[in-house]
Amino acid sequence: MEFDDVIRTTFAAREFTDDPISDEVLWEILDTARFAPSGGNRQGAHVTVVRDPDTKQAIAELSKTGARRYLAQRAAREMPWNVVHPSAVTDADLAATEGVDEFVAPLAAAPVLLVVTVNLEVVASMDKELDRIGVVPGGSIYPLVWNILTTARSRGYGGTITTMAVTEEPGVRELLAIPDTHALAAVLPLGKPVRQLTRLRREPVEDFVTRERFDGNAFTR
């Protein structure tokens, strides 16, 4: 595929055929994806390839905590897991939430899961002293995650970024023997998508790019 086509059509694939994704193909995807940038070129990423059905099911189970709150907040018309606006969702709401099993099912059903972690010993956290949640460390791991998905797309495969398991990071850490110095960044289910989407909905450039200032005029051609 042409580069522009890959970027414009890499969608969140959650349903996969029974076609396997071989170690050879997966290695090629990772071999290309590894050229992603990271802070200071420190390359603190680690990827754990999970094929064992029981382990995949365990990761899906651990993802239910995050998925339950996500679905409950969405049902309440909130922005799930938002750090600015407090949630009004109660424990009773969480207990009554439906659809959790179906939401995490793709993690167990995917041919392979890639569990991506980042070594906090080498991450540059330039915003750690600010009075807000830190976002800069993500720049040292999510370019790799995106490279994996776009490279997979270019080869006819697909996946999506899931972070629900992060809410139960200690459990995932124990399950996969992840050292304390590493933080769980994402779990990527990968496989051959049941459908290959080619049209994605995204905001136009003019809606999120401005000239000179945040409140400046919309950037147009």
Protein backbone atom coordinates (compact mmCIF):
# COMPACT_ATOMS: atom_id res chain seq x y z
CA MET A 1 0.00 0.00 0.00
CA GLU A 2 1.04 3.59 -0.57
CA PHE A 3 2.11 5.44 2.58
CA ASP A 4 -0.80 7.91 2.47
CA ASP A 5 -3.27 5.05 2.05
CA VAL A 6 -1.85 3.25 5.07
CA ILE A 7 -2.12 6.35 7.26
CA ARG A 8 -5.61 7.19 6.07
CA THR A 9 -7.03 3.65 6.45
CA THR A 10 -5.44 2.21 9.59
CA PHE A 11 -8.58 1.55 11.61
CA ALA A 12 -9.32 -0.03 14.98
CA ALA A 13 -9.73 -3.71 14.10
CA ARG A 14 -11.39 -5.79 16.83
CA GLU A 15 -12.84 -8.71 14.88
CA PHE A 16 -10.50 -11.18 13.25
CA THR A 17 -10.73 -14.17 10.97
CA ASP A 18 -9.30 -17.55 11.90
CA ASP A 19 -6.24 -16.84 9.74
CA PRO A 20 -3.05 -17.04 11.78
CA ILE A 21 -0.35 -14.40 11.84
CA SER A 22 2.93 -16.25 11.63
CA ASP A 23 6.04 -15.53 13.67
CA GLU A 24 7.79 -14.60 10.43
CA VAL A 25 5.19 -11.98 9.50
CA LEU A 26 5.05 -10.69 13.05
CA TRP A 27 8.82 -10.40 13.17
CA GLU A 28 8.80 -8.40 9.93
CA ILE A 29 6.16 -6.05 11.35
CA LEU A 30 8.19 -5.49 14.51
CA ASP A 31 11.41 -5.16 12.55
CA THR A 32 9.93 -2.20 10.68
CA ALA A 33 8.09 -0.74 13.67
CA ARG A 34 11.27 -0.61 15.80
CA PHE A 35 12.42 2.49 13.93
CA ALA A 36 9.92 4.60 15.88
CA PRO A 37 11.43 7.56 17.73
CA SER A 38 11.72 7.69 21.51
CA GLY A 39 12.87 10.33 23.98
CA GLY A 40 16.64 10.66 23.75
CA ASN A 41 16.60 7.62 21.45
CA ARG A 42 16.66 5.54 24.65
CA GLN A 43 14.39 2.86 23.20
CA GLY A 44 12.93 1.68 26.48
CA ALA A 45 10.16 -0.39 24.94
CA HIS A 46 9.51 -4.08 25.49
CA VAL A 47 6.98 -6.17 23.58
CA THR A 48 5.71 -9.48 24.93
CA VAL A 49 4.16 -11.72 22.26
CA VAL A 50 1.26 -13.70 23.75
CA ARG A 51 -0.30 -16.62 21.87
CA ASP A 52 -1.26 -18.93 24.73
CA PRO A 53 -5.10 -19.07 24.94
CA ASP A 54 -5.18 -19.17 28.74
CA THR A 55 -2.90 -16.14 29.02
CA LYS A 56 -4.96 -14.20 26.48
CA GLN A 57 -8.11 -15.04 28.42
CA ALA A 58 -6.46 -13.91 31.66
CA ILE A 59 -5.53 -10.56 30.09
CA ALA A 60 -9.12 -10.19 28.89
CA GLU A 61 -10.37 -10.85 32.42
CA LEU A 62 -7.97 -8.28 33.86
CA SER A 63 -9.26 -5.76 31.30
CA LYS A 64 -12.81 -5.96 32.65
CA THR A 65 -12.23 -3.41 35.42
CA GLY A 66 -11.33 -0.69 32.95
CA ALA A 67 -13.94 -1.80 30.44
CA ARG A 68 -16.72 -1.76 33.04
CA ARG A 69 -16.04 1.86 34.01
CA TYR A 70 -15.63 2.84 30.36
CA LEU A 71 -19.01 1.41 29.43
CA ALA A 72 -20.74 2.78 32.52
CA GLN A 73 -19.43 6.28 31.92
CA ARG A 74 -20.31 6.15 28.26
CA ALA A 75 -23.85 5.09 29.18
CA ALA A 76 -23.99 8.09 31.54
CA ARG A 77 -22.90 10.34 28.64
CA GLU A 78 -19.59 11.10 30.31
CA MET A 79 -16.14 11.14 28.79
CA PRO A 80 -14.78 7.82 30.08
CA TRP A 81 -11.75 7.98 32.35
CA ASN A 82 -11.53 11.76 31.99
CA VAL A 83 -9.11 13.48 34.39
CA VAL A 84 -10.73 16.94 34.25
CA HIS A 85 -14.42 16.27 34.92
CA PRO A 86 -15.33 14.07 37.92
CA SER A 87 -17.52 11.06 37.24
CA ALA A 88 -21.00 10.69 38.72
CA VAL A 89 -21.02 6.93 38.09
CA THR A 90 -21.68 4.98 41.28
CA ASP A 91 -20.62 1.52 42.40
CA ALA A 92 -24.18 0.41 41.75
CA ASP A 93 -23.95 1.73 38.20
CA LEU A 94 -20.73 -0.22 37.69
CA ALA A 95 -22.26 -3.40 39.05
CA ALA A 96 -25.23 -3.06 36.69
CA THR A 97 -23.13 -2.40 33.60
CA GLU A 98 -23.78 -4.83 30.76
CA GLY A 99 -21.67 -5.82 27.78
CA VAL A 100 -18.34 -6.10 29.58
CA ASP A 101 -17.64 -9.67 28.47
CA GLU A 102 -18.32 -8.82 24.85
CA PHE A 103 -16.18 -5.69 25.07
CA VAL A 104 -13.03 -7.58 26.13
CA ALA A 105 -13.71 -10.72 24.07
CA PRO A 106 -11.45 -9.63 21.16
CA LEU A 107 -8.44 -9.83 23.48
CA ALA A 108 -9.03 -13.53 24.05
CA ALA A 109 -10.08 -14.26 20.46
CA ALA A 110 -7.26 -12.49 18.59
CA PRO A 111 -4.57 -14.73 17.08
CA VAL A 112 -1.91 -12.85 19.03
CA LEU A 113 -1.65 -10.17 21.69
CA LEU A 114 1.27 -7.78 21.91
CA VAL A 115 1.74 -6.45 25.42
CA VAL A 116 3.75 -3.25 25.20
CA THR A 117 5.60 -1.86 28.21
CA VAL A 118 8.10 0.95 28.68
CA ASN A 119 11.10 1.13 30.97
CA LEU A 120 10.53 4.06 33.34
CA GLU A 121 14.25 4.18 34.13
CA VAL A 122 14.97 5.66 30.70
CA VAL A 123 11.84 7.74 30.03
CA ALA A 124 12.13 11.53 29.97
CA SER A 125 9.13 12.99 31.83
CA MET A 126 9.48 16.69 31.07
CA ASP A 127 6.05 17.48 32.53
CA LYS A 128 6.36 15.61 35.82
CA GLU A 129 6.47 18.83 37.87
CA LEU A 130 3.35 20.35 36.31
CA ASP A 131 0.03 20.34 38.10
CA ARG A 132 -1.65 18.00 35.65
CA ILE A 133 -1.46 14.43 34.48
CA GLY A 134 1.78 13.62 32.65
CA VAL A 135 1.55 13.03 28.91
CA VAL A 136 5.11 13.49 27.64
CA PRO A 137 6.36 9.98 28.59
CA GLY A 138 3.87 8.57 26.10
CA GLY A 139 6.03 10.03 23.35
CA SER A 140 8.63 7.40 24.16
CA ILE A 141 6.31 4.43 23.57
CA TYR A 142 3.22 5.24 21.51
CA PRO A 143 5.09 6.02 18.27
CA LEU A 144 6.23 2.38 18.38
CA VAL A 145 2.68 1.23 19.05
CA TRP A 146 1.41 3.21 16.07
CA ASN A 147 4.22 1.93 13.88
CA ILE A 148 3.17 -1.62 14.72
CA LEU A 149 -0.43 -0.95 13.71
CA THR A 150 0.39 0.89 10.50
CA THR A 151 2.96 -1.70 9.45
CA ALA A 152 0.44 -4.44 10.14
CA ARG A 153 -2.09 -2.54 8.04
CA SER A 154 0.34 -2.31 5.14
CA ARG A 155 0.54 -6.12 5.15
CA GLY A 156 -3.19 -6.77 5.31
CA TYR A 157 -3.41 -7.28 9.06
CA GLY A 158 -4.90 -5.07 11.73
CA GLY A 159 -5.39 -4.42 15.40
CA THR A 160 -6.15 -1.69 17.88
CA ILE A 161 -4.70 0.06 20.91
CA THR A 162 -6.33 -1.18 24.11
CA THR A 163 -5.48 0.17 27.54
CA MET A 164 -8.20 -1.35 29.72
CA ALA A 165 -5.73 -3.80 31.25
CA VAL A 166 -3.69 -0.90 32.63
CA THR A 167 -6.23 -0.47 35.43
CA GLU A 168 -5.11 -3.88 36.68
CA GLU A 169 -1.41 -3.41 35.96
CA PRO A 170 -0.26 -5.35 39.07
CA GLY A 171 -2.19 -8.39 37.85
CA VAL A 172 -0.74 -8.15 34.35
CA ARG A 173 2.71 -7.63 35.85
CA GLU A 174 2.41 -10.84 37.86
CA LEU A 175 0.91 -12.78 34.95
CA LEU A 176 3.71 -11.90 32.53
CA ALA A 177 6.60 -11.42 34.98
CA ILE A 178 6.92 -7.73 34.03
CA PRO A 179 9.58 -6.01 36.18
CA ASP A 180 8.62 -3.14 38.48
CA THR A 181 10.64 -0.71 36.38
CA HIS A 182 8.32 -1.18 33.41
CA ALA A 183 4.89 0.43 32.97
CA LEU A 184 2.13 -1.19 30.95
CA ALA A 185 1.34 1.06 27.97
CA ALA A 186 -0.97 -0.97 25.73
CA VAL A 187 -2.24 -4.36 24.72
CA LEU A 188 -2.59 -4.83 20.96
CA PRO A 189 -4.74 -7.64 19.55
CA LEU A 190 -3.50 -8.43 16.04
CA GLY A 191 -4.86 -10.56 13.23
CA LYS A 192 -6.55 -10.55 9.84
CA PRO A 193 -9.57 -8.23 10.14
CA VAL A 194 -12.99 -9.60 9.25
CA ARG A 195 -13.60 -6.32 7.40
CA GLN A 196 -11.10 -3.96 5.80
CA LEU A 197 -12.35 -0.42 6.32
CA THR A 198 -11.17 2.25 3.90
CA ARG A 199 -13.09 5.32 5.04
CA LEU A 200 -12.41 6.74 8.51
CA ARG A 201 -14.17 9.62 10.27
CA ARG A 202 -11.76 12.29 11.42
CA GLU A 203 -12.04 16.01 12.10
CA PRO A 204 -10.92 18.24 9.21
CA VAL A 205 -7.65 20.14 9.53
CA GLU A 206 -9.47 23.44 9.98
CA ASP A 207 -11.20 22.14 13.12
CA PHE A 208 -8.06 21.52 15.17
CA VAL A 209 -5.22 23.56 13.63
CA THR A 210 -4.87 27.33 14.11
CA ARG A 211 -2.41 30.02 13.06
CA GLU A 212 0.07 31.59 15.50
CA ARG A 213 -2.05 31.08 18.67
CA PHE A 214 -4.35 28.46 20.15
CA ASP A 215 -7.23 30.88 19.59
CA GLY A 216 -5.92 32.01 16.20
CA ASN A 217 -7.63 31.71 12.86
CA ALA A 218 -8.23 28.25 11.47
CA PHE A 219 -5.38 26.96 9.35
CA THR A 220 -6.64 26.57 5.78
CA ARG A 221 -5.02 26.10 2.41
